[in-house]
Amino acid sequence: MQITDISISYELTQSLSGYCNVKPGIRLSAHLDEGENSEAVKLALLDEARVFVQDEIDQALIADDQPPRYYAGPRFMVMLNSESRRVVILPDQNELMHTLPGPGNWVHSFNVRPGRGMRLDQAHDVAVRMAASHIFPVVDCHDGDLSRLADGAPAPSPEPDPLGFHTGAVLDDPNYPFDDEDDEEE
C-alpha cells in the first residue's frame, strides 16, 4: 500500500473562569512525494498542530487573567505588600517568596501555584493594574535581585492631585464630578 496523503486533526479543551471553555482545534494535511517517510510527515504535522492549539489555549488563559498552561519560558509572579506599599515582580521561584524583605506580609496578586507563574509581559500588566488600584509603585525584580527592596521602608505616598482626582480611589463627594446647578447660576 502506498500512502500519498496524510491528514490530522488536533484539538484540546481548556476551562476558563466563569464556567466558560475554549476549544481550539486545527486540521492539517500533507501530500507525500514519492519516497517520503509517512511516519516523519505525520509526526511533523502533529507537532505543528499541537504547538498551534497549545498557543491558542495560552492566549485564551492570558486574556482570562490566568497564567499560561503550556508556555515553556521563564515565569514570574506579582506580589503585594500593603504595609510597605509596594507591588513587586519576581521570578517564579518558591525560595524567593520566603526572602522578601520589609514589614508586613507579601501576598500573591492572584492565586497562582509556584511553578505556574505568568509570562513577563503578563506579570507587568498585572503589576501595573495592582499598583494603580492601590496607588503603589511597581518594583521590578524580575531578574531576582531583591536589593531594590532591601531598605524595607514604605514607598512614598503619591502626591494628591490638585484637581482632586484620585486614581484607583473612590471619591466621597456625592456631587462628583460636578454640581450642574452651580454652572446654571453663572
C-alpha atoms as a PDB file:
ATOM      1  CA  MET A   1       0.000   0.000   0.000  1.00  0.00           C
ATOM      2  CA  GLN A   2       1.311   3.447  -0.947  1.00  0.00           C
ATOM      3  CA  ILE A   3       0.283   6.368   1.325  1.00  0.00           C
ATOM      4  CA  THR A   4       0.008   9.556  -0.732  1.00  0.00           C
ATOM      5  CA  ASP A   5      -1.849  11.937   1.628  1.00  0.00           C
ATOM      6  CA  ILE A   6      -1.853  12.414   5.403  1.00  0.00           C
ATOM      7  CA  SER A   7      -4.416  14.443   7.296  1.00  0.00           C
ATOM      8  CA  ILE A   8      -4.526  15.000  11.056  1.00  0.00           C
ATOM      9  CA  SER A   9      -6.871  16.855  13.398  1.00  0.00           C
ATOM     10  CA  TYR A  10      -5.897  18.098  16.837  1.00  0.00           C
ATOM     11  CA  GLU A  11      -7.974  19.911  19.458  1.00  0.00           C
ATOM     12  CA  LEU A  12      -7.960  20.492  23.196  1.00  0.00           C
ATOM     13  CA  THR A  13     -10.491  21.914  25.649  1.00  0.00           C
ATOM     14  CA  GLN A  14      -9.463  24.336  28.404  1.00  0.00           C
ATOM     15  CA  SER A  15     -11.675  25.654  31.194  1.00  0.00           C
ATOM     16  CA  LEU A  16     -11.683  29.393  31.791  1.00  0.00           C
ATOM     17  CA  SER A  17     -13.257  31.462  34.541  1.00  0.00           C
ATOM     18  CA  GLY A  18     -16.997  31.966  34.654  1.00  0.00           C
ATOM     19  CA  TYR A  19     -17.734  28.357  33.638  1.00  0.00           C
ATOM     20  CA  CYS A  20     -16.503  29.074  30.101  1.00  0.00           C
ATOM     21  CA  ASN A  21     -14.359  26.865  27.901  1.00  0.00           C
ATOM     22  CA  VAL A  22     -12.180  27.362  24.884  1.00  0.00           C
ATOM     23  CA  LYS A  23     -11.720  24.504  22.428  1.00  0.00           C
ATOM     24  CA  PRO A  24      -9.214  25.392  19.725  1.00  0.00           C
ATOM     25  CA  GLY A  25      -8.521  22.866  17.008  1.00  0.00           C
ATOM     26  CA  ILE A  26      -6.823  22.560  13.656  1.00  0.00           C
ATOM     27  CA  ARG A  27      -6.807  20.161  10.718  1.00  0.00           C
ATOM     28  CA  LEU A  28      -3.612  19.817   8.683  1.00  0.00           C
ATOM     29  CA  SER A  29      -2.980  17.842   5.512  1.00  0.00           C
ATOM     30  CA  ALA A  30       0.100  16.975   3.505  1.00  0.00           C
ATOM     31  CA  HIS A  31       0.696  15.315   0.171  1.00  0.00           C
ATOM     32  CA  LEU A  32       3.597  12.868   0.226  1.00  0.00           C
ATOM     33  CA  ASP A  33       6.193  12.876  -2.503  1.00  0.00           C
ATOM     34  CA  GLU A  34       7.445   9.532  -3.731  1.00  0.00           C
ATOM     35  CA  GLY A  35       9.876   8.008  -1.211  1.00  0.00           C
ATOM     36  CA  GLU A  36       8.931  10.464   1.582  1.00  0.00           C
ATOM     37  CA  ASN A  37       8.660   8.910   5.056  1.00  0.00           C
ATOM     38  CA  SER A  38       4.965   8.943   6.025  1.00  0.00           C
ATOM     39  CA  GLU A  39       5.727   8.482   9.750  1.00  0.00           C
ATOM     40  CA  ALA A  40       8.031  11.527   9.787  1.00  0.00           C
ATOM     41  CA  VAL A  41       5.428  13.654   7.970  1.00  0.00           C
ATOM     42  CA  LYS A  42       2.697  12.511  10.374  1.00  0.00           C
ATOM     43  CA  LEU A  43       4.820  13.429  13.416  1.00  0.00           C
ATOM     44  CA  ALA A  44       5.740  16.814  11.909  1.00  0.00           C
ATOM     45  CA  LEU A  45       2.065  17.632  11.228  1.00  0.00           C
ATOM     46  CA  LEU A  46       1.058  16.511  14.715  1.00  0.00           C
ATOM     47  CA  ASP A  47       3.791  18.623  16.313  1.00  0.00           C
ATOM     48  CA  GLU A  48       2.796  21.694  14.281  1.00  0.00           C
ATOM     49  CA  ALA A  49      -0.871  21.223  15.208  1.00  0.00           C
ATOM     50  CA  ARG A  50      -0.043  20.701  18.901  1.00  0.00           C
ATOM     51  CA  VAL A  51       2.051  23.891  19.055  1.00  0.00           C
ATOM     52  CA  PHE A  52      -0.724  25.887  17.373  1.00  0.00           C
ATOM     53  CA  VAL A  53      -3.508  24.605  19.669  1.00  0.00           C
ATOM     54  CA  GLN A  54      -1.450  24.986  22.854  1.00  0.00           C
ATOM     55  CA  ASP A  55      -0.536  28.553  21.897  1.00  0.00           C
ATOM     56  CA  GLU A  56      -4.228  29.339  21.351  1.00  0.00           C
ATOM     57  CA  ILE A  57      -5.040  27.947  24.810  1.00  0.00           C
ATOM     58  CA  ASP A  58      -2.248  30.004  26.402  1.00  0.00           C
ATOM     59  CA  GLN A  59      -3.534  33.163  24.703  1.00  0.00           C
ATOM     60  CA  ALA A  60      -7.074  32.457  25.976  1.00  0.00           C
ATOM     61  CA  LEU A  61      -5.775  31.889  29.520  1.00  0.00           C
ATOM     62  CA  ILE A  62      -3.760  35.121  29.435  1.00  0.00           C
ATOM     63  CA  ALA A  63      -6.818  37.036  28.180  1.00  0.00           C
ATOM     64  CA  ASP A  64      -8.700  35.490  31.135  1.00  0.00           C
ATOM     65  CA  ASP A  65      -6.014  36.768  33.586  1.00  0.00           C
ATOM     66  CA  GLN A  66      -4.694  33.277  34.225  1.00  0.00           C
ATOM     67  CA  PRO A  67      -1.147  32.008  33.783  1.00  0.00           C
ATOM     68  CA  PRO A  68      -0.423  30.185  30.525  1.00  0.00           C
ATOM     69  CA  ARG A  69      -0.508  26.412  30.726  1.00  0.00           C
ATOM     70  CA  TYR A  70       1.930  25.372  28.013  1.00  0.00           C
ATOM     71  CA  TYR A  71       4.384  28.288  27.904  1.00  0.00           C
ATOM     72  CA  ALA A  72       7.896  26.851  28.420  1.00  0.00           C
ATOM     73  CA  GLY A  73       9.810  30.104  29.007  1.00  0.00           C
ATOM     74  CA  PRO A  74      10.615  31.870  32.279  1.00  0.00           C
ATOM     75  CA  ARG A  75       7.695  32.553  34.592  1.00  0.00           C
ATOM     76  CA  PHE A  76       7.100  35.368  37.043  1.00  0.00           C
ATOM     77  CA  MET A  77       4.816  36.251  39.937  1.00  0.00           C
ATOM     78  CA  VAL A  78       3.445  39.523  41.251  1.00  0.00           C
ATOM     79  CA  MET A  79       3.357  40.134  44.996  1.00  0.00           C
ATOM     80  CA  LEU A  80       1.854  42.988  47.018  1.00  0.00           C
ATOM     81  CA  ASN A  81       2.732  44.310  50.476  1.00  0.00           C
ATOM     82  CA  SER A  82       0.207  46.796  51.855  1.00  0.00           C
ATOM     83  CA  GLU A  83       2.398  47.778  54.797  1.00  0.00           C
ATOM     84  CA  SER A  84       5.458  48.698  52.761  1.00  0.00           C
ATOM     85  CA  ARG A  85       3.168  49.929  49.935  1.00  0.00           C
ATOM     86  CA  ARG A  86       4.844  48.090  47.071  1.00  0.00           C
ATOM     87  CA  VAL A  87       3.969  45.805  44.205  1.00  0.00           C
ATOM     88  CA  VAL A  88       6.885  43.636  43.088  1.00  0.00           C
ATOM     89  CA  ILE A  89       7.544  41.438  40.040  1.00  0.00           C
ATOM     90  CA  LEU A  90       9.655  38.369  40.895  1.00  0.00           C
ATOM     91  CA  PRO A  91      10.861  35.241  39.145  1.00  0.00           C
ATOM     92  CA  ASP A  92       8.546  32.346  39.974  1.00  0.00           C
ATOM     93  CA  GLN A  93      10.897  30.696  42.450  1.00  0.00           C
ATOM     94  CA  ASN A  94       9.482  29.460  45.728  1.00  0.00           C
ATOM     95  CA  GLU A  95      12.654  30.286  47.681  1.00  0.00           C
ATOM     96  CA  LEU A  96      12.442  33.985  46.711  1.00  0.00           C
ATOM     97  CA  MET A  97       8.948  34.308  48.160  1.00  0.00           C
ATOM     98  CA  HIS A  98      10.302  33.480  51.622  1.00  0.00           C
ATOM     99  CA  THR A  99      13.159  36.004  51.486  1.00  0.00           C
ATOM    100  CA  LEU A 100      11.211  39.164  50.639  1.00  0.00           C
ATOM    101  CA  PRO A 101      12.343  41.957  52.966  1.00  0.00           C
ATOM    102  CA  GLY A 102      10.215  44.548  54.671  1.00  0.00           C
ATOM    103  CA  PRO A 103       7.474  44.707  57.242  1.00  0.00           C
ATOM    104  CA  GLY A 104       4.139  43.021  56.783  1.00  0.00           C
ATOM    105  CA  ASN A 105       3.053  40.078  54.698  1.00  0.00           C
ATOM    106  CA  TRP A 106       3.553  39.685  50.975  1.00  0.00           C
ATOM    107  CA  VAL A 107       0.558  38.260  49.126  1.00  0.00           C
ATOM    108  CA  HIS A 108       0.162  36.941  45.571  1.00  0.00           C
ATOM    109  CA  SER A 109      -1.600  39.056  43.006  1.00  0.00           C
ATOM    110  CA  PHE A 110      -3.962  36.153  42.454  1.00  0.00           C
ATOM    111  CA  ASN A 111      -3.933  32.519  43.427  1.00  0.00           C
ATOM    112  CA  VAL A 112      -1.056  31.068  41.382  1.00  0.00           C
ATOM    113  CA  ARG A 113       0.769  27.936  42.479  1.00  0.00           C
ATOM    114  CA  PRO A 114       4.567  28.207  42.435  1.00  0.00           C
ATOM    115  CA  GLY A 115       5.794  26.925  39.098  1.00  0.00           C
ATOM    116  CA  ARG A 116       2.662  28.183  37.313  1.00  0.00           C
ATOM    117  CA  GLY A 117       3.607  31.856  37.106  1.00  0.00           C
ATOM    118  CA  MET A 118       2.983  34.307  34.315  1.00  0.00           C
ATOM    119  CA  ARG A 119       4.986  35.425  31.319  1.00  0.00           C
ATOM    120  CA  LEU A 120       6.892  38.663  31.974  1.00  0.00           C
ATOM    121  CA  ASP A 121       4.579  40.799  29.820  1.00  0.00           C
ATOM    122  CA  GLN A 122       1.548  39.419  31.664  1.00  0.00           C
ATOM    123  CA  ALA A 123       3.198  39.944  35.074  1.00  0.00           C
ATOM    124  CA  HIS A 124       3.973  43.535  34.116  1.00  0.00           C
ATOM    125  CA  ASP A 125       0.334  44.175  33.103  1.00  0.00           C
ATOM    126  CA  VAL A 126      -0.959  42.626  36.346  1.00  0.00           C
ATOM    127  CA  ALA A 127       1.544  44.636  38.441  1.00  0.00           C
ATOM    128  CA  VAL A 128       0.588  47.913  36.759  1.00  0.00           C
ATOM    129  CA  ARG A 129      -3.134  47.242  37.369  1.00  0.00           C
ATOM    130  CA  MET A 130      -2.486  46.315  41.014  1.00  0.00           C
ATOM    131  CA  ALA A 131      -0.268  49.336  41.555  1.00  0.00           C
ATOM    132  CA  ALA A 132      -2.869  51.660  40.036  1.00  0.00           C
ATOM    133  CA  SER A 133      -5.678  50.265  42.186  1.00  0.00           C
ATOM    134  CA  HIS A 134      -3.605  50.639  45.384  1.00  0.00           C
ATOM    135  CA  ILE A 135      -1.604  53.711  44.302  1.00  0.00           C
ATOM    136  CA  PHE A 136       1.647  51.827  44.995  1.00  0.00           C
ATOM    137  CA  PRO A 137       4.815  51.827  42.896  1.00  0.00           C
ATOM    138  CA  VAL A 138       5.904  48.740  40.961  1.00  0.00           C
ATOM    139  CA  VAL A 139       9.343  47.412  41.879  1.00  0.00           C
ATOM    140  CA  ASP A 140      10.656  45.229  39.061  1.00  0.00           C
ATOM    141  CA  CYS A 141      12.827  42.450  40.487  1.00  0.00           C
ATOM    142  CA  HIS A 142      12.157  40.015  37.627  1.00  0.00           C
ATOM    143  CA  ASP A 143      15.903  39.329  37.482  1.00  0.00           C
ATOM    144  CA  GLY A 144      15.826  38.044  41.093  1.00  0.00           C
ATOM    145  CA  ASP A 145      17.778  40.998  42.516  1.00  0.00           C
ATOM    146  CA  LEU A 146      15.904  41.844  45.726  1.00  0.00           C
ATOM    147  CA  SER A 147      18.313  44.642  46.673  1.00  0.00           C
ATOM    148  CA  ARG A 148      15.737  47.099  45.278  1.00  0.00           C
ATOM    149  CA  LEU A 149      13.572  46.137  48.286  1.00  0.00           C
ATOM    150  CA  ALA A 150      16.378  45.990  50.868  1.00  0.00           C
ATOM    151  CA  ASP A 151      15.632  49.175  52.779  1.00  0.00           C
ATOM    152  CA  GLY A 152      12.197  47.877  53.817  1.00  0.00           C
ATOM    153  CA  ALA A 153      10.906  51.423  54.174  1.00  0.00           C
ATOM    154  CA  PRO A 154       7.466  52.149  52.814  1.00  0.00           C
ATOM    155  CA  ALA A 155       7.412  53.685  49.388  1.00  0.00           C
ATOM    156  CA  PRO A 156       6.464  57.344  49.427  1.00  0.00           C
ATOM    157  CA  SER A 157       2.769  58.099  49.218  1.00  0.00           C
ATOM    158  CA  PRO A 158       1.743  59.722  45.967  1.00  0.00           C
ATOM    159  CA  GLU A 159       1.111  63.452  45.993  1.00  0.00           C
ATOM    160  CA  PRO A 160      -2.595  64.294  45.931  1.00  0.00           C
ATOM    161  CA  ASP A 161      -3.858  65.586  42.599  1.00  0.00           C
ATOM    162  CA  PRO A 162      -4.533  69.363  42.875  1.00  0.00           C
ATOM    163  CA  LEU A 163      -7.820  68.861  40.978  1.00  0.00           C
ATOM    164  CA  GLY A 164      -8.997  66.235  43.453  1.00  0.00           C
ATOM    165  CA  PHE A 165      -8.860  63.261  41.096  1.00  0.00           C
ATOM    166  CA  HIS A 166      -7.570  60.131  42.775  1.00  0.00           C
ATOM    167  CA  THR A 167      -6.554  57.249  40.533  1.00  0.00           C
ATOM    168  CA  GLY A 168      -7.886  53.969  41.868  1.00  0.00           C
ATOM    169  CA  ALA A 169      -9.737  55.559  44.776  1.00  0.00           C
ATOM    170  CA  VAL A 170     -13.437  56.213  45.285  1.00  0.00           C
ATOM    171  CA  LEU A 171     -14.319  59.846  45.749  1.00  0.00           C
ATOM    172  CA  ASP A 172     -16.541  60.679  48.705  1.00  0.00           C
ATOM    173  CA  ASP A 173     -18.100  63.774  47.104  1.00  0.00           C
ATOM    174  CA  PRO A 174     -21.757  62.954  46.312  1.00  0.00           C
ATOM    175  CA  ASN A 175     -21.773  65.750  43.682  1.00  0.00           C
ATOM    176  CA  TYR A 176     -18.813  64.289  41.815  1.00  0.00           C
ATOM    177  CA  PRO A 177     -17.897  65.044  39.115  1.00  0.00           C
ATOM    178  CA  PHE A 178     -19.709  68.403  39.092  1.00  0.00           C
ATOM    179  CA  ASP A 179     -22.757  70.048  40.512  1.00  0.00           C
ATOM    180  CA  ASP A 180     -24.594  71.278  37.415  1.00  0.00           C
ATOM    181  CA  GLU A 181     -26.704  73.774  39.407  1.00  0.00           C
ATOM    182  CA  ASP A 182     -23.612  75.962  40.038  1.00  0.00           C
ATOM    183  CA  ASP A 183     -22.995  76.227  36.293  1.00  0.00           C
ATOM    184  CA  GLU A 184     -26.544  77.471  35.591  1.00  0.00           C
ATOM    185  CA  GLU A 185     -26.225  80.445  38.001  1.00  0.00           C
ATOM    186  CA  GLU A 186     -23.326  81.978  36.046  1.00  0.00           C
END
